C-alpha atoms as a PDB file:
ATOM      1  CA  MET A   1     190.439 -23.932 -17.761  1.00  0.00           C
ATOM      2  CA  ALA A   2     188.803 -20.884 -16.259  1.00  0.00           C
ATOM      3  CA  THR A   3     190.511 -19.160 -13.391  1.00  0.00           C
ATOM      4  CA  PHE A   4     188.160 -17.715 -10.826  1.00  0.00           C
ATOM      5  CA  ARG A   5     189.193 -15.217  -8.210  1.00  0.00           C
ATOM      6  CA  ARG A   6     187.399 -16.223  -5.038  1.00  0.00           C
ATOM      7  CA  ALA A   7     187.212 -14.322  -1.812  1.00  0.00           C
ATOM      8  CA  LEU A   8     187.272 -16.749   1.077  1.00  0.00           C
ATOM      9  CA  THR A   9     185.836 -14.792   3.960  1.00  0.00           C
ATOM     10  CA  PRO A  10     184.865 -16.720   7.089  1.00  0.00           C
ATOM     11  CA  GLY A  11     181.217 -15.986   7.845  1.00  0.00           C
ATOM     12  CA  GLY A  12     180.880 -14.250   4.479  1.00  0.00           C
ATOM     13  CA  THR A  13     177.924 -13.902   2.153  1.00  0.00           C
ATOM     14  CA  TYR A  14     178.324 -15.531  -1.262  1.00  0.00           C
ATOM     15  CA  PHE A  15     176.352 -15.357  -4.514  1.00  0.00           C
ATOM     16  CA  PHE A  16     176.181 -18.455  -6.734  1.00  0.00           C
ATOM     17  CA  THR A  17     174.834 -19.341 -10.144  1.00  0.00           C
ATOM     18  CA  VAL A  18     174.662 -23.067 -10.873  1.00  0.00           C
ATOM     19  CA  ASN A  19     173.768 -24.364 -14.352  1.00  0.00           C
ATOM     20  CA  THR A  20     172.572 -27.793 -15.358  1.00  0.00           C
ATOM     21  CA  TYR A  21     174.710 -29.822 -17.712  1.00  0.00           C
ATOM     22  CA  ARG A  22     174.189 -28.498 -21.244  1.00  0.00           C
ATOM     23  CA  ARG A  23     171.566 -26.146 -19.830  1.00  0.00           C
ATOM     24  CA  GLN A  24     168.961 -28.906 -19.671  1.00  0.00           C
ATOM     25  CA  ARG A  25     165.608 -27.526 -18.536  1.00  0.00           C
ATOM     26  CA  ILE A  26     165.073 -29.984 -15.683  1.00  0.00           C
ATOM     27  CA  LEU A  27     165.309 -28.162 -12.354  1.00  0.00           C
ATOM     28  CA  THR A  28     161.632 -27.186 -12.202  1.00  0.00           C
ATOM     29  CA  GLU A  29     160.466 -30.749 -12.803  1.00  0.00           C
ATOM     30  CA  PRO A  30     158.939 -32.038  -9.540  1.00  0.00           C
ATOM     31  CA  ARG A  31     161.392 -34.884  -8.980  1.00  0.00           C
ATOM     32  CA  ALA A  32     164.380 -32.635  -9.723  1.00  0.00           C
ATOM     33  CA  TYR A  33     163.440 -29.812  -7.376  1.00  0.00           C
ATOM     34  CA  THR A  34     162.418 -32.296  -4.703  1.00  0.00           C
ATOM     35  CA  ALA A  35     165.851 -33.944  -4.957  1.00  0.00           C
ATOM     36  CA  LEU A  36     167.499 -30.521  -4.810  1.00  0.00           C
ATOM     37  CA  LYS A  37     165.420 -29.448  -1.813  1.00  0.00           C
ATOM     38  CA  MET A  38     166.166 -32.656   0.083  1.00  0.00           C
ATOM     39  CA  ALA A  39     169.891 -32.429  -0.689  1.00  0.00           C
ATOM     40  CA  ILE A  40     170.019 -28.848   0.583  1.00  0.00           C
ATOM     41  CA  ARG A  41     168.210 -29.850   3.785  1.00  0.00           C
ATOM     42  CA  ARG A  42     170.594 -32.750   4.413  1.00  0.00           C
ATOM     43  CA  VAL A  43     173.688 -30.646   3.811  1.00  0.00           C
ATOM     44  CA  LYS A  44     172.380 -27.788   5.989  1.00  0.00           C
ATOM     45  CA  ALA A  45     171.826 -30.271   8.831  1.00  0.00           C
ATOM     46  CA  CYS A  46     175.523 -31.239   8.830  1.00  0.00           C
ATOM     47  CA  HIS A  47     177.107 -28.034   7.517  1.00  0.00           C
ATOM     48  CA  PRO A  48     174.863 -25.098   8.487  1.00  0.00           C
ATOM     49  CA  PHE A  49     174.404 -22.017   6.329  1.00  0.00           C
ATOM     50  CA  ASP A  50     171.632 -19.481   5.769  1.00  0.00           C
ATOM     51  CA  ILE A  51     169.941 -19.056   2.419  1.00  0.00           C
ATOM     52  CA  GLU A  52     169.318 -15.339   2.054  1.00  0.00           C
ATOM     53  CA  ALA A  53     167.809 -15.622  -1.443  1.00  0.00           C
ATOM     54  CA  PHE A  54     167.080 -18.443  -3.880  1.00  0.00           C
ATOM     55  CA  VAL A  55     165.801 -18.392  -7.465  1.00  0.00           C
ATOM     56  CA  LEU A  56     165.111 -21.657  -9.275  1.00  0.00           C
ATOM     57  CA  LEU A  57     164.754 -21.613 -13.053  1.00  0.00           C
ATOM     58  CA  PRO A  58     164.438 -24.597 -15.421  1.00  0.00           C
ATOM     59  CA  ASP A  59     168.128 -24.706 -16.392  1.00  0.00           C
ATOM     60  CA  HIS A  60     169.918 -22.874 -13.591  1.00  0.00           C
ATOM     61  CA  LEU A  61     169.584 -21.431 -10.123  1.00  0.00           C
ATOM     62  CA  HIS A  62     170.839 -18.382  -8.270  1.00  0.00           C
ATOM     63  CA  CYS A  63     171.302 -18.201  -4.539  1.00  0.00           C
ATOM     64  CA  LEU A  64     172.809 -16.047  -1.853  1.00  0.00           C
ATOM     65  CA  TRP A  65     174.296 -17.887   1.129  1.00  0.00           C
ATOM     66  CA  ARG A  66     175.624 -16.622   4.427  1.00  0.00           C
ATOM     67  CA  LEU A  67     178.037 -18.985   6.127  1.00  0.00           C
ATOM     68  CA  PRO A  68     178.516 -19.248   9.899  1.00  0.00           C
ATOM     69  CA  GLU A  69     181.216 -17.202  11.610  1.00  0.00           C
ATOM     70  CA  GLY A  70     184.615 -18.783  11.079  1.00  0.00           C
ATOM     71  CA  ASP A  71     183.424 -20.947   8.165  1.00  0.00           C
ATOM     72  CA  MET A  72     184.242 -20.291   4.510  1.00  0.00           C
ATOM     73  CA  ASN A  73     183.880 -23.769   3.005  1.00  0.00           C
ATOM     74  CA  TYR A  74     181.028 -23.268   0.555  1.00  0.00           C
ATOM     75  CA  SER A  75     182.678 -25.622  -1.957  1.00  0.00           C
ATOM     76  CA  LEU A  76     182.172 -28.617   0.357  1.00  0.00           C
ATOM     77  CA  ARG A  77     178.482 -27.776   0.632  1.00  0.00           C
ATOM     78  CA  TRP A  78     178.057 -27.500  -3.155  1.00  0.00           C
ATOM     79  CA  ASN A  79     179.980 -30.718  -3.690  1.00  0.00           C
ATOM     80  CA  LEU A  80     177.639 -32.587  -1.338  1.00  0.00           C
ATOM     81  CA  ILE A  81     174.475 -31.013  -2.773  1.00  0.00           C
ATOM     82  CA  LYS A  82     175.454 -31.724  -6.372  1.00  0.00           C
ATOM     83  CA  ARG A  83     176.484 -35.285  -5.539  1.00  0.00           C
ATOM     84  CA  GLN A  84     173.194 -36.036  -3.786  1.00  0.00           C
ATOM     85  CA  VAL A  85     171.098 -34.563  -6.618  1.00  0.00           C
ATOM     86  CA  SER A  86     173.095 -36.531  -9.188  1.00  0.00           C
ATOM     87  CA  GLN A  87     172.704 -39.742  -7.178  1.00  0.00           C
ATOM     88  CA  ALA A  88     168.962 -39.146  -6.889  1.00  0.00           C
ATOM     89  CA  ALA A  89     168.845 -38.727 -10.664  1.00  0.00           C
ATOM     90  CA  HIS A  90     170.526 -42.105 -11.135  1.00  0.00           C
ATOM     91  CA  VAL A  91     168.195 -43.863  -8.710  1.00  0.00           C
ATOM     92  CA  ASP A  92     164.914 -42.237  -9.710  1.00  0.00           C
ATOM     93  CA  THR A  93     165.542 -42.017 -13.458  1.00  0.00           C
ATOM     94  CA  LEU A  94     164.837 -38.346 -13.090  1.00  0.00           C
ATOM     95  CA  PHE A  95     165.144 -37.549 -16.753  1.00  0.00           C
ATOM     96  CA  ALA A  96     164.061 -39.008 -20.061  1.00  0.00           C
ATOM     97  CA  PRO A  97     165.346 -42.540 -20.724  1.00  0.00           C
ATOM     98  CA  GLU A  98     167.298 -41.381 -23.782  1.00  0.00           C
ATOM     99  CA  THR A  99     169.360 -39.013 -21.601  1.00  0.00           C
ATOM    100  CA  CYS A 100     172.573 -40.663 -20.480  1.00  0.00           C
ATOM    101  CA  HIS A 101     173.423 -40.616 -16.784  1.00  0.00           C
ATOM    102  CA  ALA A 102     176.471 -38.399 -17.322  1.00  0.00           C
ATOM    103  CA  ASP A 103     174.174 -35.639 -18.581  1.00  0.00           C
ATOM    104  CA  ARG A 104     172.335 -35.485 -15.262  1.00  0.00           C
ATOM    105  CA  GLU A 105     175.024 -33.858 -13.201  1.00  0.00           C
ATOM    106  CA  LEU A 106     175.055 -30.179 -12.374  1.00  0.00           C
ATOM    107  CA  THR A 107     178.013 -28.218 -13.600  1.00  0.00           C
ATOM    108  CA  ALA A 108     180.339 -26.410 -11.229  1.00  0.00           C
ATOM    109  CA  PRO A 109     178.934 -23.153  -9.906  1.00  0.00           C
ATOM    110  CA  ASN A 110     180.110 -19.863 -11.315  1.00  0.00           C
ATOM    111  CA  VAL A 111     181.033 -18.157  -8.104  1.00  0.00           C
ATOM    112  CA  VAL A 112     180.987 -14.470  -7.422  1.00  0.00           C
ATOM    113  CA  THR A 113     181.937 -13.925  -3.844  1.00  0.00           C
ATOM    114  CA  MET A 114     181.034 -10.862  -1.925  1.00  0.00           C
ATOM    115  CA  PRO A 115     182.007 -10.518   1.722  1.00  0.00           C
ATOM    116  CA  ALA A 116     179.169  -8.958   3.683  1.00  0.00           C
ATOM    117  CA  ALA A 117     181.274  -5.919   4.534  1.00  0.00           C
ATOM    118  CA  ALA A 118     182.075  -5.330   0.858  1.00  0.00           C
ATOM    119  CA  ALA A 119     178.394  -5.565  -0.065  1.00  0.00           C
ATOM    120  CA  GLN A 120     177.665  -2.351   1.797  1.00  0.00           C
ATOM    121  CA  PRO A 121     178.377   0.963   0.051  1.00  0.00           C
ATOM    122  CA  PRO A 122     181.071   2.963   1.795  1.00  0.00           C
ATOM    123  CA  THR A 123     179.755   5.467   4.290  1.00  0.00           C
ATOM    124  CA  PRO A 124     180.663   9.107   3.608  1.00  0.00           C
END
């Protein structure tokens, strides 16, 4: 099991890379990115955060989030987003019929955390 060192900084800015299971090239399919977009909107409504940057590729995504002051619980947000996208995949038969349902889930994000203060180069 991989051990990640994570900085938990309330109100911090975090960079994420999230891969699809077995690097399936599904995220740019209309139903997949619609499910992802809707899940992000729903989670943001209950657990606010700012998306500073977002790149969607067929088999993975990159994003930069800034959490509200006093909040450092990005893992809850990812858990909810991934769950909703996976549930949408089960309901909508998002992928080819020969793909089993277990293959539809997103894998855990590889997290590189970077507190906003640490992102700035030191001033001379």
